[in-house]
């Protein structure tokens, strides 16, 4: 699971926007005040189901992470 869902910066983070885009959940929010987080580690899992291959993108580490449980709910 992506740690971003409990990060205070989820709505401003350039890396999270990239992850959303990979999951085809891209929010067309045009905010210009994005920041690039420090030392993020993105893990890509390759899953095969029948003849289809799926990529699952998750942020596993980020030095800019500031915990705020449930922050993602405010984005719904």
PDB file of N, CA and C in Angstrom:
ATOM      1  N   UNK A   1       0.842  -1.178   0.000  1.00  0.00           N
ATOM      2  CA  UNK A   1       0.000   0.000   0.000  1.00  0.00           C
ATOM      3  C   UNK A   1       0.891   1.248   0.000  1.00  0.00           C
ATOM      4  N   UNK A   2       0.448   2.241  -0.720  1.00  0.00           N
ATOM      5  CA  UNK A   2       1.168   3.508  -0.828  1.00  0.00           C
ATOM      6  C   UNK A   2       1.057   4.285   0.491  1.00  0.00           C
ATOM      7  N   UNK A   3       2.170   4.748   1.022  1.00  0.00           N
ATOM      8  CA  UNK A   3       2.155   5.500   2.280  1.00  0.00           C
ATOM      9  C   UNK A   3       1.510   6.866   2.110  1.00  0.00           C
ATOM     10  N   UNK A   4       1.351   7.315   0.881  1.00  0.00           N
ATOM     11  CA  UNK A   4       0.831   8.657   0.600  1.00  0.00           C
ATOM     12  C   UNK A   4      -0.568   8.892   1.160  1.00  0.00           C
ATOM     13  N   UNK A   5      -1.360   7.842   1.292  1.00  0.00           N
ATOM     14  CA  UNK A   5      -2.746   8.045   1.729  1.00  0.00           C
ATOM     15  C   UNK A   5      -2.831   8.650   3.127  1.00  0.00           C
ATOM     16  N   UNK A   6      -1.780   8.508   3.919  1.00  0.00           N
ATOM     17  CA  UNK A   6      -1.771   9.092   5.263  1.00  0.00           C
ATOM     18  C   UNK A   6      -0.761  10.229   5.388  1.00  0.00           C
ATOM     19  N   UNK A   7      -0.435  10.876   4.276  1.00  0.00           N
ATOM     20  CA  UNK A   7       0.542  11.972   4.315  1.00  0.00           C
ATOM     21  C   UNK A   7      -0.163  13.320   4.216  1.00  0.00           C
ATOM     22  N   UNK A   8       0.295  14.248   5.012  1.00  0.00           N
ATOM     23  CA  UNK A   8      -0.246  15.606   5.029  1.00  0.00           C
ATOM     24  C   UNK A   8      -0.140  16.275   3.663  1.00  0.00           C
ATOM     25  N   UNK A   9       0.851  15.892   2.860  1.00  0.00           N
ATOM     26  CA  UNK A   9       1.129  16.566   1.591  1.00  0.00           C
ATOM     27  C   UNK A   9       0.503  15.898   0.371  1.00  0.00           C
ATOM     28  N   UNK A  10      -0.394  14.941   0.570  1.00  0.00           N
ATOM     29  CA  UNK A  10      -0.927  14.155  -0.547  1.00  0.00           C
ATOM     30  C   UNK A  10      -1.502  15.019  -1.666  1.00  0.00           C
ATOM     31  N   UNK A  11      -2.146  16.133  -1.329  1.00  0.00           N
ATOM     32  CA  UNK A  11      -2.799  16.947  -2.352  1.00  0.00           C
ATOM     33  C   UNK A  11      -1.853  17.889  -3.086  1.00  0.00           C
ATOM     34  N   UNK A  12      -0.595  18.008  -2.627  1.00  0.00           N
ATOM     35  CA  UNK A  12       0.371  18.900  -3.273  1.00  0.00           C
ATOM     36  C   UNK A  12       1.568  18.174  -3.871  1.00  0.00           C
ATOM     37  N   UNK A  13       1.678  16.904  -3.641  1.00  0.00           N
ATOM     38  CA  UNK A  13       2.886  16.149  -3.958  1.00  0.00           C
ATOM     39  C   UNK A  13       2.971  15.750  -5.431  1.00  0.00           C
ATOM     40  N   UNK A  14       4.040  16.125  -6.073  1.00  0.00           N
ATOM     41  CA  UNK A  14       4.264  15.793  -7.486  1.00  0.00           C
ATOM     42  C   UNK A  14       4.418  14.280  -7.680  1.00  0.00           C
ATOM     43  N   UNK A  15       5.079  13.610  -6.768  1.00  0.00           N
ATOM     44  CA  UNK A  15       5.252  12.162  -6.885  1.00  0.00           C
ATOM     45  C   UNK A  15       3.911  11.445  -6.756  1.00  0.00           C
ATOM     46  N   UNK A  16       3.067  11.873  -5.834  1.00  0.00           N
ATOM     47  CA  UNK A  16       1.753  11.237  -5.689  1.00  0.00           C
ATOM     48  C   UNK A  16       0.923  11.438  -6.953  1.00  0.00           C
ATOM     49  N   UNK A  17       1.003  12.615  -7.557  1.00  0.00           N
ATOM     50  CA  UNK A  17       0.278  12.855  -8.806  1.00  0.00           C
ATOM     51  C   UNK A  17       0.766  11.898  -9.890  1.00  0.00           C
ATOM     52  N   UNK A  18       2.060  11.616  -9.913  1.00  0.00           N
ATOM     53  CA  UNK A  18       2.608  10.646 -10.858  1.00  0.00           C
ATOM     54  C   UNK A  18       2.031   9.252 -10.597  1.00  0.00           C
ATOM     55  N   UNK A  19       1.975   8.853  -9.328  1.00  0.00           N
ATOM     56  CA  UNK A  19       1.425   7.537  -8.960  1.00  0.00           C
ATOM     57  C   UNK A  19      -0.049   7.450  -9.360  1.00  0.00           C
ATOM     58  N   UNK A  20      -0.813   8.509  -9.100  1.00  0.00           N
ATOM     59  CA  UNK A  20      -2.219   8.535  -9.510  1.00  0.00           C
ATOM     60  C   UNK A  20      -2.355   8.315 -11.010  1.00  0.00           C
ATOM     61  N   UNK A  21      -1.515   8.966 -11.762  1.00  0.00           N
ATOM     62  CA  UNK A  21      -1.546   8.851 -13.220  1.00  0.00           C
ATOM     63  C   UNK A  21      -1.272   7.409 -13.655  1.00  0.00           C
ATOM     64  N   UNK A  22      -0.346   6.738 -12.987  1.00  0.00           N
ATOM     65  CA  UNK A  22      -0.032   5.349 -13.312  1.00  0.00           C
ATOM     66  C   UNK A  22      -1.209   4.427 -13.013  1.00  0.00           C
ATOM     67  N   UNK A  23      -1.998   4.780 -12.023  1.00  0.00           N
ATOM     68  CA  UNK A  23      -3.172   3.986 -11.654  1.00  0.00           C
ATOM     69  C   UNK A  23      -4.417   4.408 -12.442  1.00  0.00           C
ATOM     70  N   UNK A  24      -4.248   5.328 -13.357  1.00  0.00           N
ATOM     71  CA  UNK A  24      -5.353   5.860 -14.168  1.00  0.00           C
ATOM     72  C   UNK A  24      -6.414   6.525 -13.311  1.00  0.00           C
ATOM     73  N   UNK A  25      -6.017   7.062 -12.174  1.00  0.00           N
ATOM     74  CA  UNK A  25      -6.925   7.806 -11.300  1.00  0.00           C
ATOM     75  C   UNK A  25      -6.543   9.276 -11.289  1.00  0.00           C
ATOM     76  N   UNK A  26      -6.037   9.743 -12.389  1.00  0.00           N
ATOM     77  CA  UNK A  26      -5.481  11.088 -12.426  1.00  0.00           C
ATOM     78  C   UNK A  26      -6.545  12.142 -12.217  1.00  0.00           C
ATOM     79  N   UNK A  27      -6.326  12.976 -11.232  1.00  0.00           N
ATOM     80  CA  UNK A  27      -7.201  14.093 -10.919  1.00  0.00           C
ATOM     81  C   UNK A  27      -6.699  15.291 -11.731  1.00  0.00           C
ATOM     82  N   UNK A  28      -7.553  15.888 -12.530  1.00  0.00           N
ATOM     83  CA  UNK A  28      -7.126  16.978 -13.395  1.00  0.00           C
ATOM     84  C   UNK A  28      -7.041  18.314 -12.670  1.00  0.00           C
ATOM     85  N   UNK A  29      -6.787  18.271 -11.382  1.00  0.00           N
ATOM     86  CA  UNK A  29      -6.617  19.479 -10.592  1.00  0.00           C
ATOM     87  C   UNK A  29      -5.420  20.254 -11.128  1.00  0.00           C
ATOM     88  N   UNK A  30      -5.585  21.527 -11.408  1.00  0.00           N
ATOM     89  CA  UNK A  30      -4.535  22.329 -12.044  1.00  0.00           C
ATOM     90  C   UNK A  30      -3.714  23.151 -11.049  1.00  0.00           C
ATOM     91  N   UNK A  31      -3.630  22.712  -9.815  1.00  0.00           N
ATOM     92  CA  UNK A  31      -2.816  23.434  -8.834  1.00  0.00           C
ATOM     93  C   UNK A  31      -1.382  23.544  -9.342  1.00  0.00           C
ATOM     94  N   UNK A  32      -0.793  24.698  -9.164  1.00  0.00           N
ATOM     95  CA  UNK A  32       0.571  24.927  -9.624  1.00  0.00           C
ATOM     96  C   UNK A  32       1.583  24.889  -8.476  1.00  0.00           C
ATOM     97  N   UNK A  33       1.131  24.708  -7.255  1.00  0.00           N
ATOM     98  CA  UNK A  33       2.017  24.756  -6.099  1.00  0.00           C
ATOM     99  C   UNK A  33       2.473  23.383  -5.638  1.00  0.00           C
ATOM    100  N   UNK A  34       2.765  22.475  -6.591  1.00  0.00           N
ATOM    101  CA  UNK A  34       3.270  21.158  -6.234  1.00  0.00           C
ATOM    102  C   UNK A  34       4.695  21.260  -5.717  1.00  0.00           C
ATOM    103  N   UNK A  35       5.063  20.341  -4.870  1.00  0.00           N
ATOM    104  CA  UNK A  35       6.471  20.234  -4.483  1.00  0.00           C
ATOM    105  C   UNK A  35       6.969  18.844  -4.824  1.00  0.00           C
ATOM    106  N   UNK A  36       8.266  18.733  -4.974  1.00  0.00           N
ATOM    107  CA  UNK A  36       8.889  17.445  -5.249  1.00  0.00           C
ATOM    108  C   UNK A  36       9.469  16.931  -3.938  1.00  0.00           C
ATOM    109  N   UNK A  37       8.955  15.813  -3.438  1.00  0.00           N
ATOM    110  CA  UNK A  37       9.413  15.295  -2.151  1.00  0.00           C
ATOM    111  C   UNK A  37      10.855  14.780  -2.212  1.00  0.00           C
ATOM    112  N   UNK A  38      11.434  14.650  -1.050  1.00  0.00           N
ATOM    113  CA  UNK A  38      12.835  14.240  -0.924  1.00  0.00           C
ATOM    114  C   UNK A  38      12.936  12.727  -0.766  1.00  0.00           C
ATOM    115  N   UNK A  39      13.853  12.129  -1.516  1.00  0.00           N
ATOM    116  CA  UNK A  39      14.199  10.701  -1.409  1.00  0.00           C
ATOM    117  C   UNK A  39      12.991   9.774  -1.316  1.00  0.00           C
ATOM    118  N   UNK A  40      12.220   9.734  -2.374  1.00  0.00           N
ATOM    119  CA  UNK A  40      11.099   8.790  -2.409  1.00  0.00           C
ATOM    120  C   UNK A  40      11.554   7.471  -3.030  1.00  0.00           C
ATOM    121  N   UNK A  41      10.970   6.393  -2.546  1.00  0.00           N
ATOM    122  CA  UNK A  41      11.224   5.076  -3.121  1.00  0.00           C
ATOM    123  C   UNK A  41       9.894   4.554  -3.638  1.00  0.00           C
ATOM    124  N   UNK A  42       9.839   4.348  -4.958  1.00  0.00           N
ATOM    125  CA  UNK A  42       8.640   3.831  -5.595  1.00  0.00           C
ATOM    126  C   UNK A  42       8.874   2.364  -5.931  1.00  0.00           C
ATOM    127  N   UNK A  43       7.929   1.536  -5.533  1.00  0.00           N
ATOM    128  CA  UNK A  43       7.978   0.105  -5.812  1.00  0.00           C
ATOM    129  C   UNK A  43       6.925  -0.206  -6.873  1.00  0.00           C
ATOM    130  N   UNK A  44       7.326  -0.929  -7.906  1.00  0.00           N
ATOM    131  CA  UNK A  44       6.391  -1.343  -8.943  1.00  0.00           C
ATOM    132  C   UNK A  44       6.280  -2.858  -8.878  1.00  0.00           C
ATOM    133  N   UNK A  45       5.080  -3.342  -8.595  1.00  0.00           N
ATOM    134  CA  UNK A  45       4.824  -4.780  -8.551  1.00  0.00           C
ATOM    135  C   UNK A  45       4.200  -5.192  -9.873  1.00  0.00           C
ATOM    136  N   UNK A  46       4.670  -6.307 -10.394  1.00  0.00           N
ATOM    137  CA  UNK A  46       4.130  -6.839 -11.641  1.00  0.00           C
ATOM    138  C   UNK A  46       3.235  -8.021 -11.303  1.00  0.00           C
ATOM    139  N   UNK A  47       1.980  -7.922 -11.677  1.00  0.00           N
ATOM    140  CA  UNK A  47       0.995  -8.967 -11.391  1.00  0.00           C
ATOM    141  C   UNK A  47       0.448  -9.507 -12.701  1.00  0.00           C
ATOM    142  N   UNK A  48       0.327 -10.818 -12.774  1.00  0.00           N
ATOM    143  CA  UNK A  48      -0.214 -11.458 -13.966  1.00  0.00           C
ATOM    144  C   UNK A  48      -1.499 -12.176 -13.605  1.00  0.00           C
ATOM    145  N   UNK A  49      -2.532 -11.927 -14.392  1.00  0.00           N
ATOM    146  CA  UNK A  49      -3.803 -12.604 -14.206  1.00  0.00           C
ATOM    147  C   UNK A  49      -4.252 -13.062 -15.590  1.00  0.00           C
ATOM    148  N   UNK A  50      -4.287 -14.362 -15.762  1.00  0.00           N
ATOM    149  CA  UNK A  50      -4.555 -14.973 -17.064  1.00  0.00           C
ATOM    150  C   UNK A  50      -3.500 -14.474 -18.061  1.00  0.00           C
ATOM    151  N   UNK A  51      -3.899 -13.819 -19.101  1.00  0.00           N
ATOM    152  CA  UNK A  51      -2.942 -13.310 -20.081  1.00  0.00           C
ATOM    153  C   UNK A  51      -2.663 -11.820 -19.917  1.00  0.00           C
ATOM    154  N   UNK A  52      -3.199 -11.216 -18.864  1.00  0.00           N
ATOM    155  CA  UNK A  52      -3.023  -9.777 -18.632  1.00  0.00           C
ATOM    156  C   UNK A  52      -1.938  -9.520 -17.595  1.00  0.00           C
ATOM    157  N   UNK A  53      -1.193  -8.475 -17.807  1.00  0.00           N
ATOM    158  CA  UNK A  53      -0.165  -8.051 -16.852  1.00  0.00           C
ATOM    159  C   UNK A  53      -0.561  -6.684 -16.304  1.00  0.00           C
ATOM    160  N   UNK A  54      -0.533  -6.566 -14.984  1.00  0.00           N
ATOM    161  CA  UNK A  54      -0.884  -5.327 -14.299  1.00  0.00           C
ATOM    162  C   UNK A  54       0.308  -4.825 -13.502  1.00  0.00           C
ATOM    163  N   UNK A  55       0.507  -3.511 -13.526  1.00  0.00           N
ATOM    164  CA  UNK A  55       1.556  -2.890 -12.721  1.00  0.00           C
ATOM    165  C   UNK A  55       0.899  -2.162 -11.564  1.00  0.00           C
ATOM    166  N   UNK A  56       1.419  -2.380 -10.364  1.00  0.00           N
ATOM    167  CA  UNK A  56       0.922  -1.705  -9.169  1.00  0.00           C
ATOM    168  C   UNK A  56       2.028  -0.800  -8.642  1.00  0.00           C
ATOM    169  N   UNK A  57       1.773   0.495  -8.627  1.00  0.00           N
ATOM    170  CA  UNK A  57       2.759   1.502  -8.237  1.00  0.00           C
ATOM    171  C   UNK A  57       2.468   1.959  -6.814  1.00  0.00           C
ATOM    172  N   UNK A  58       3.486   1.944  -5.947  1.00  0.00           N
ATOM    173  CA  UNK A  58       3.334   2.383  -4.557  1.00  0.00           C
ATOM    174  C   UNK A  58       4.575   3.131  -4.097  1.00  0.00           C
ATOM    175  N   UNK A  59       4.366   4.168  -3.308  1.00  0.00           N
ATOM    176  CA  UNK A  59       5.479   4.848  -2.642  1.00  0.00           C
ATOM    177  C   UNK A  59       5.697   4.117  -1.320  1.00  0.00           C
ATOM    178  N   UNK A  60       6.899   3.617  -1.099  1.00  0.00           N
ATOM    179  CA  UNK A  60       7.202   2.863   0.119  1.00  0.00           C
ATOM    180  C   UNK A  60       7.981   3.689   1.136  1.00  0.00           C
ATOM    181  N   UNK A  61       8.782   4.645   0.657  1.00  0.00           N
ATOM    182  CA  UNK A  61       9.559   5.512   1.557  1.00  0.00           C
ATOM    183  C   UNK A  61       9.592   6.918   0.996  1.00  0.00           C
ATOM    184  N   UNK A  62       9.608   7.897   1.891  1.00  0.00           N
ATOM    185  CA  UNK A  62       9.665   9.297   1.478  1.00  0.00           C
ATOM    186  C   UNK A  62      10.103  10.136   2.679  1.00  0.00           C
ATOM    187  N   UNK A  63      11.161  10.898   2.504  1.00  0.00           N
ATOM    188  CA  UNK A  63      11.635  11.734   3.617  1.00  0.00           C
ATOM    189  C   UNK A  63      10.746  12.952   3.857  1.00  0.00           C
ATOM    190  N   UNK A  64       9.878  13.276   2.918  1.00  0.00           N
ATOM    191  CA  UNK A  64       8.955  14.398   3.091  1.00  0.00           C
ATOM    192  C   UNK A  64       7.638  13.977   3.749  1.00  0.00           C
ATOM    193  N   UNK A  65       7.501  12.695   4.039  1.00  0.00           N
ATOM    194  CA  UNK A  65       6.275  12.164   4.632  1.00  0.00           C
ATOM    195  C   UNK A  65       6.014  12.791   5.995  1.00  0.00           C
ATOM    196  N   UNK A  66       4.793  13.334   6.162  1.00  0.00           N
ATOM    197  CA  UNK A  66       4.331  13.861   7.448  1.00  0.00           C
ATOM    198  C   UNK A  66       2.990  13.182   7.710  1.00  0.00           C
ATOM    199  N   UNK A  67       2.950  12.347   8.735  1.00  0.00           N
ATOM    200  CA  UNK A  67       1.756  11.535   8.981  1.00  0.00           C
ATOM    201  C   UNK A  67       0.548  12.376   9.371  1.00  0.00           C
ATOM    202  N   UNK A  68      -0.543  12.134   8.656  1.00  0.00           N
ATOM    203  CA  UNK A  68      -1.851  12.691   8.985  1.00  0.00           C
ATOM    204  C   UNK A  68      -2.874  11.638   8.572  1.00  0.00           C
ATOM    205  N   UNK A  69      -3.156  10.678   9.477  1.00  0.00           N
ATOM    206  CA  UNK A  69      -4.048   9.573   9.142  1.00  0.00           C
ATOM    207  C   UNK A  69      -5.379  10.040   8.554  1.00  0.00           C
ATOM    208  N   UNK A  70      -5.769   9.402   7.451  1.00  0.00           N
ATOM    209  CA  UNK A  70      -7.034   9.698   6.816  1.00  0.00           C
ATOM    210  C   UNK A  70      -7.038  10.932   5.918  1.00  0.00           C
ATOM    211  N   UNK A  71      -5.886  11.519   5.658  1.00  0.00           N
ATOM    212  CA  UNK A  71      -5.823  12.734   4.832  1.00  0.00           C
ATOM    213  C   UNK A  71      -6.474  12.513   3.461  1.00  0.00           C
ATOM    214  N   UNK A  72      -6.319  11.322   2.900  1.00  0.00           N
ATOM    215  CA  UNK A  72      -6.856  11.021   1.566  1.00  0.00           C
ATOM    216  C   UNK A  72      -8.365  11.191   1.490  1.00  0.00           C
ATOM    217  N   UNK A  73      -9.060  11.050   2.618  1.00  0.00           N
ATOM    218  CA  UNK A  73     -10.525  11.167   2.626  1.00  0.00           C
ATOM    219  C   UNK A  73     -10.953  12.562   2.170  1.00  0.00           C
ATOM    220  N   UNK A  74     -10.159  13.571   2.505  1.00  0.00           N
ATOM    221  CA  UNK A  74     -10.500  14.936   2.122  1.00  0.00           C
ATOM    222  C   UNK A  74     -10.410  15.161   0.616  1.00  0.00           C
ATOM    223  N   UNK A  75      -9.795  14.226  -0.115  1.00  0.00           N
ATOM    224  CA  UNK A  75      -9.658  14.364  -1.565  1.00  0.00           C
ATOM    225  C   UNK A  75     -10.845  13.785  -2.326  1.00  0.00           C
ATOM    226  N   UNK A  76     -11.735  13.077  -1.611  1.00  0.00           N
ATOM    227  CA  UNK A  76     -12.892  12.446  -2.281  1.00  0.00           C
ATOM    228  C   UNK A  76     -13.944  13.459  -2.673  1.00  0.00           C
TER     229      UNK A  76
END
